[in-house]
Amino acid sequence: MEYRRLGRTQFNVSCLGFGGAPMGIDNYLDAYDAEKNVDTVIAALHAAMDNGVNYIDTAPGYGNGLSERIIGQAMKDRREQAYIATKVPSHLGYDEVLRSVDDSLSRLQSDYIDVMQFHGGYLREEEYKRLINDGPLDALKECQKQGKIRFIGITNEVPDQTLLWAVQSGQFDVVQVRYNLFYQGAADPLISEASKHDVGVVVMRPLTSQSLYRFMKRISPESLDKINVHQIALDFVLSNPDVSVAICGMRNEEEVRSNIGAISKQEWRWEFKLDRGQGGVQFPN
């Protein structure tokens, strides 16, 4: 397993992270009953940790707390072997944030959370300013003082000005953003700016939420017998040295083995290069 530093947290994290959305949400991307597959997911979590995956990302909203409960059950006897990141909804006020943190701790069966993030989606400017100025961030800092959380992060689907403000503010230790072969906008300037400020970068949707697979199936189905599109997608993301961890949703041991195998080969890695004059990430000839 390849490990990278998660910014100023100094955590040495696996470049492949275990994403908690698909395990907790019914019919996430495909037909799926989350409650009926708890044991299978727990086995997958153990397989991932046994093979070096040590970063697990979840949220209360993933199945109304189910994802956190599954992780708590799996991790209760090996809590020190992995970093757990979860979230609080971005619309909450001060007291509600405090309760949300306590509820997550209970579901996770843990005394602390390694990274607590504001759960963005498409945060607008006024929403970001409310988080910073009107109590929610103060609530997380209070939890940090009490030892309930170790570091503070923020997530957002798009690499817009709100995440740049977060990086430059000095208030956040980790940012999580969508970045993949199709959505490359985070590479410049957000990810490079995060590196400059020693903010850890966690990537969501590195496998393009299956869009790359469906695209290749549509235009060149025969190629799917020759190449692993997940391997290509992961190598694209991890070619960026300022990315700390790529979060992949996994539900079973087969998916765990497949993703670990994909990153281990590094067949499609290349020297990362940005060229603003040519429009961003440059591919080798």
Protein backbone atom coordinates (compact mmCIF):
# COMPACT_ATOMS: atom_id res chain seq x y z
CA MET A 1 0.00 0.00 0.00
CA GLU A 2 1.18 3.51 -0.85
CA TYR A 3 0.92 6.10 1.92
CA ARG A 4 0.88 9.88 1.74
CA ARG A 5 0.93 12.71 4.25
CA LEU A 6 -2.46 14.32 4.89
CA GLY A 7 -1.31 17.93 5.09
CA ARG A 8 -0.66 19.44 8.49
CA THR A 9 -2.49 16.62 10.27
CA GLN A 10 0.71 14.62 9.79
CA PHE A 11 -1.43 11.50 9.31
CA ASN A 12 0.26 8.95 7.08
CA VAL A 13 -2.78 7.85 5.10
CA SER A 14 -3.30 5.16 2.50
CA CYS A 15 -3.70 6.67 -0.95
CA LEU A 16 -6.84 4.53 -1.30
CA GLY A 17 -9.61 5.41 1.15
CA PHE A 18 -12.76 3.48 2.00
CA GLY A 19 -15.87 5.52 1.15
CA GLY A 20 -18.98 5.04 3.24
CA ALA A 21 -21.77 6.29 0.96
CA PRO A 22 -22.47 3.13 -1.09
CA MET A 23 -22.51 0.92 2.01
CA GLY A 24 -25.21 2.93 3.77
CA ILE A 25 -27.48 4.24 1.04
CA ASP A 26 -30.07 2.04 -0.64
CA ASN A 27 -29.83 1.88 -4.43
CA TYR A 28 -26.71 4.02 -4.63
CA LEU A 29 -25.72 3.87 -8.33
CA ASP A 30 -27.39 0.45 -8.63
CA ALA A 31 -30.02 -1.72 -6.94
CA TYR A 32 -28.90 -2.31 -3.35
CA ASP A 33 -30.41 -3.04 0.08
CA ALA A 34 -28.01 -1.62 2.66
CA GLU A 35 -29.52 -3.29 5.74
CA LYS A 36 -29.30 -6.74 4.18
CA ASN A 37 -25.61 -6.38 3.36
CA VAL A 38 -24.16 -5.21 6.68
CA ASP A 39 -22.12 -8.38 7.29
CA THR A 40 -20.70 -8.27 3.76
CA VAL A 41 -19.60 -4.66 4.20
CA ILE A 42 -18.02 -5.39 7.59
CA ALA A 43 -16.00 -8.17 5.96
CA ALA A 44 -14.96 -5.72 3.25
CA LEU A 45 -13.82 -3.18 5.85
CA HIS A 46 -11.71 -5.81 7.60
CA ALA A 47 -10.22 -6.92 4.28
CA ALA A 48 -9.36 -3.33 3.42
CA MET A 49 -7.65 -2.70 6.75
CA ASP A 50 -5.84 -6.05 6.58
CA ASN A 51 -4.38 -4.86 3.28
CA GLY A 52 -3.28 -1.45 4.50
CA VAL A 53 -6.26 0.83 3.88
CA ASN A 54 -6.32 3.16 6.88
CA TYR A 55 -8.59 6.07 5.88
CA ILE A 56 -12.36 5.62 6.17
CA ASP A 57 -14.77 8.39 5.19
CA THR A 58 -18.46 8.50 6.05
CA ALA A 59 -21.30 10.84 7.05
CA PRO A 60 -24.53 10.74 9.09
CA GLY A 61 -26.46 11.29 5.87
CA TYR A 62 -25.29 8.01 4.38
CA GLY A 63 -28.32 5.89 5.19
CA ASN A 64 -29.57 7.94 8.13
CA GLY A 65 -26.55 6.95 10.23
CA LEU A 66 -26.31 3.37 8.94
CA SER A 67 -22.89 3.85 7.36
CA GLU A 68 -21.47 5.18 10.63
CA ARG A 69 -23.03 2.31 12.56
CA ILE A 70 -21.51 -0.29 10.22
CA ILE A 71 -18.09 1.32 10.54
CA GLY A 72 -18.45 1.49 14.30
CA GLN A 73 -19.26 -2.18 14.48
CA ALA A 74 -16.33 -3.13 12.27
CA MET A 75 -13.84 -0.81 14.02
CA LYS A 76 -14.72 -1.30 17.67
CA ASP A 77 -11.84 -3.74 18.27
CA ARG A 78 -9.31 -2.10 15.94
CA ARG A 79 -9.96 1.62 16.30
CA GLU A 80 -6.28 2.58 16.39
CA GLN A 81 -5.60 0.94 13.02
CA ALA A 82 -7.39 3.51 10.89
CA TYR A 83 -8.33 7.17 10.63
CA ILE A 84 -12.06 7.87 10.59
CA ALA A 85 -13.44 10.96 8.89
CA THR A 86 -17.10 11.86 9.09
CA LYS A 87 -19.19 14.97 8.68
CA VAL A 88 -21.78 17.34 10.12
CA PRO A 89 -24.50 18.79 7.86
CA SER A 90 -23.58 22.30 6.78
CA HIS A 91 -26.99 23.79 7.64
CA LEU A 92 -26.76 23.16 11.40
CA GLY A 93 -26.33 25.78 14.11
CA TYR A 94 -23.92 25.77 17.07
CA ASP A 95 -25.87 23.52 19.44
CA GLU A 96 -26.97 21.21 16.63
CA VAL A 97 -23.35 20.74 15.55
CA LEU A 98 -22.43 19.70 19.09
CA ARG A 99 -25.24 17.15 19.13
CA SER A 100 -24.32 15.87 15.68
CA VAL A 101 -20.73 15.23 16.78
CA ASP A 102 -21.93 13.34 19.86
CA ASP A 103 -24.37 11.29 17.78
CA SER A 104 -21.61 10.34 15.34
CA LEU A 105 -19.31 9.33 18.18
CA SER A 106 -22.04 7.08 19.54
CA ARG A 107 -22.72 5.41 16.19
CA LEU A 108 -19.00 5.00 15.51
CA GLN A 109 -18.45 3.52 19.01
CA SER A 110 -15.43 5.79 19.42
CA ASP A 111 -14.23 8.43 21.85
CA TYR A 112 -12.84 10.60 19.06
CA ILE A 113 -13.09 11.34 15.35
CA ASP A 114 -9.91 11.98 13.40
CA VAL A 115 -11.34 14.41 10.83
CA MET A 116 -14.73 16.10 11.23
CA GLN A 117 -15.87 17.84 8.07
CA PHE A 118 -18.66 20.21 7.17
CA HIS A 119 -20.72 18.27 4.64
CA GLY A 120 -20.99 20.54 1.64
CA GLY A 121 -22.57 19.80 -1.66
CA TYR A 122 -22.65 23.00 -3.61
CA LEU A 123 -21.98 25.57 -0.90
CA ARG A 124 -22.89 29.13 -1.79
CA GLU A 125 -20.95 32.13 -0.51
CA GLU A 126 -23.51 33.02 2.14
CA GLU A 127 -23.60 29.44 3.41
CA TYR A 128 -19.83 29.33 3.75
CA LYS A 129 -19.76 32.65 5.60
CA ARG A 130 -22.43 31.39 8.00
CA LEU A 131 -20.29 28.33 8.80
CA ILE A 132 -17.30 30.52 9.54
CA ASN A 133 -18.92 33.44 11.33
CA ASP A 134 -22.19 32.33 12.93
CA GLY A 135 -21.27 29.44 15.20
CA PRO A 136 -20.83 26.11 13.37
CA LEU A 137 -17.04 26.39 13.12
CA ASP A 138 -16.86 27.54 16.74
CA ALA A 139 -18.79 24.42 17.72
CA LEU A 140 -16.26 22.17 15.98
CA LYS A 141 -13.41 24.04 17.66
CA GLU A 142 -15.09 23.46 21.01
CA CYS A 143 -15.32 19.74 20.24
CA GLN A 144 -11.65 19.86 19.27
CA LYS A 145 -10.77 21.40 22.65
CA GLN A 146 -12.70 18.62 24.36
CA GLY A 147 -10.78 15.95 22.44
CA LYS A 148 -13.82 14.69 20.55
CA ILE A 149 -12.35 15.56 17.17
CA ARG A 150 -8.73 15.94 16.11
CA PHE A 151 -8.86 17.96 12.90
CA ILE A 152 -11.43 20.00 10.96
CA GLY A 153 -12.28 19.72 7.28
CA ILE A 154 -14.81 20.82 4.71
CA THR A 155 -16.20 19.07 1.63
CA ASN A 156 -17.68 20.43 -1.57
CA GLU A 157 -18.46 18.86 -4.90
CA VAL A 158 -16.98 21.70 -6.92
CA PRO A 159 -13.60 23.44 -6.56
CA ASP A 160 -15.07 26.91 -6.40
CA GLN A 161 -14.22 30.02 -4.41
CA THR A 162 -15.66 28.65 -1.16
CA LEU A 163 -13.01 25.92 -0.96
CA LEU A 164 -10.29 28.37 -1.91
CA TRP A 165 -11.41 30.61 0.93
CA ALA A 166 -11.40 27.61 3.26
CA VAL A 167 -7.86 26.68 2.26
CA GLN A 168 -6.58 30.23 2.59
CA SER A 169 -8.39 30.91 5.88
CA GLY A 170 -6.12 28.71 7.98
CA GLN A 171 -9.20 27.32 9.72
CA PHE A 172 -9.35 23.96 7.93
CA ASP A 173 -6.87 21.11 7.97
CA VAL A 174 -8.46 19.02 5.21
CA VAL A 175 -10.57 19.68 2.11
CA GLN A 176 -12.49 17.06 0.17
CA VAL A 177 -13.46 17.76 -3.43
CA ARG A 178 -14.54 16.01 -6.61
CA TYR A 179 -11.58 15.40 -8.90
CA ASN A 180 -11.27 12.79 -11.61
CA LEU A 181 -10.50 12.18 -15.27
CA PHE A 182 -13.74 13.90 -16.31
CA TYR A 183 -13.82 16.69 -13.70
CA GLN A 184 -10.28 18.06 -13.60
CA GLY A 185 -11.03 21.58 -12.39
CA ALA A 186 -9.78 20.99 -8.84
CA ALA A 187 -6.21 20.56 -10.06
CA ASP A 188 -5.77 24.27 -10.64
CA PRO A 189 -5.76 26.26 -8.49
CA LEU A 190 -7.46 24.49 -5.55
CA ILE A 191 -5.27 21.43 -5.04
CA SER A 192 -2.03 23.31 -5.65
CA GLU A 193 -3.20 26.07 -3.30
CA ALA A 194 -4.06 23.48 -0.63
CA SER A 195 -0.54 22.09 -0.90
CA LYS A 196 0.89 25.57 -0.50
CA HIS A 197 -1.08 26.02 2.75
CA ASP A 198 -0.34 22.46 3.95
CA VAL A 199 -4.00 21.46 3.80
CA GLY A 200 -4.66 17.77 3.17
CA VAL A 201 -6.56 16.94 -0.03
CA VAL A 202 -9.09 14.10 -0.11
CA VAL A 203 -10.65 13.31 -3.46
CA MET A 204 -14.24 12.15 -3.85
CA ARG A 205 -15.54 10.38 -6.97
CA PRO A 206 -12.11 9.38 -8.31
CA LEU A 207 -13.77 6.60 -10.34
CA THR A 208 -16.10 9.17 -11.96
CA SER A 209 -19.15 7.53 -10.33
CA GLN A 210 -19.00 4.92 -13.11
CA SER A 211 -19.28 7.56 -15.84
CA LEU A 212 -15.97 6.53 -17.39
CA TYR A 213 -17.02 2.88 -17.47
CA ARG A 214 -20.36 3.72 -19.09
CA PHE A 215 -18.62 6.00 -21.59
CA MET A 216 -16.18 3.29 -22.64
CA LYS A 217 -18.95 0.72 -22.80
CA ARG A 218 -20.82 3.01 -25.17
CA ILE A 219 -17.99 3.96 -27.53
CA SER A 220 -15.65 0.96 -27.33
CA PRO A 221 -17.11 -2.02 -25.44
CA GLU A 222 -14.41 -4.34 -26.74
CA SER A 223 -11.76 -2.28 -24.95
CA LEU A 224 -13.20 -3.24 -21.55
CA ASP A 225 -11.76 -6.73 -22.03
CA LYS A 226 -8.28 -5.26 -22.43
CA ILE A 227 -8.04 -2.43 -19.91
CA ASN A 228 -9.17 -1.76 -16.36
CA VAL A 229 -10.90 1.62 -16.49
CA HIS A 230 -10.85 1.86 -12.69
CA GLN A 231 -7.09 1.50 -12.76
CA ILE A 232 -6.82 4.29 -15.33
CA ALA A 233 -9.11 6.55 -13.30
CA LEU A 234 -7.25 5.97 -10.03
CA ASP A 235 -3.85 6.42 -11.61
CA PHE A 236 -4.97 9.73 -13.11
CA VAL A 237 -5.99 11.05 -9.70
CA LEU A 238 -2.97 9.66 -7.84
CA SER A 239 -0.54 11.00 -10.42
CA ASN A 240 -1.14 14.35 -8.73
CA PRO A 241 1.38 14.37 -5.84
CA ASP A 242 -0.71 16.86 -3.86
CA VAL A 243 -3.63 14.42 -3.57
CA SER A 244 -3.40 12.58 -0.26
CA VAL A 245 -6.16 10.01 -0.60
CA ALA A 246 -8.75 8.95 -3.17
CA ILE A 247 -12.02 7.78 -1.64
CA CYS A 248 -13.65 4.75 -3.29
CA GLY A 249 -17.00 3.39 -2.18
CA MET A 250 -16.69 -0.36 -1.57
CA ARG A 251 -19.26 -2.90 -0.42
CA ASN A 252 -17.57 -6.28 -0.65
CA GLU A 253 -14.18 -7.95 -0.54
CA GLU A 254 -14.03 -8.34 -4.32
CA GLU A 255 -14.26 -4.57 -4.80
CA VAL A 256 -11.60 -4.06 -2.14
CA ARG A 257 -9.21 -6.48 -3.83
CA SER A 258 -9.89 -4.95 -7.24
CA ASN A 259 -9.14 -1.38 -6.13
CA ILE A 260 -6.05 -2.36 -4.14
CA GLY A 261 -4.79 -4.31 -7.15
CA ALA A 262 -5.44 -1.34 -9.42
CA ILE A 263 -3.38 1.13 -7.40
CA SER A 264 -0.56 -1.32 -6.80
CA LYS A 265 0.35 -1.64 -10.49
CA GLN A 266 0.75 2.10 -11.17
CA GLU A 267 0.66 1.23 -14.86
CA TRP A 268 -1.01 4.48 -15.91
CA ARG A 269 0.84 6.88 -13.60
CA TRP A 270 2.83 9.71 -15.14
CA GLU A 271 4.74 12.76 -14.04
CA PHE A 272 2.10 15.30 -13.11
CA LYS A 273 2.23 18.60 -14.96
CA LEU A 274 -0.01 21.65 -15.09
CA ASP A 275 0.06 23.99 -18.06
CA ARG A 276 -2.41 26.85 -17.73
CA GLY A 277 -1.71 27.97 -21.26
CA GLN A 278 -2.89 24.58 -22.54
CA GLY A 279 -5.87 24.27 -20.20
CA GLY A 280 -4.80 22.38 -17.12
CA VAL A 281 -3.56 18.82 -16.61
CA GLN A 282 -1.15 17.71 -19.31
CA PHE A 283 -1.01 14.14 -20.61
CA PRO A 284 2.32 12.67 -21.73
CA ASN A 285 2.89 11.98 -25.40
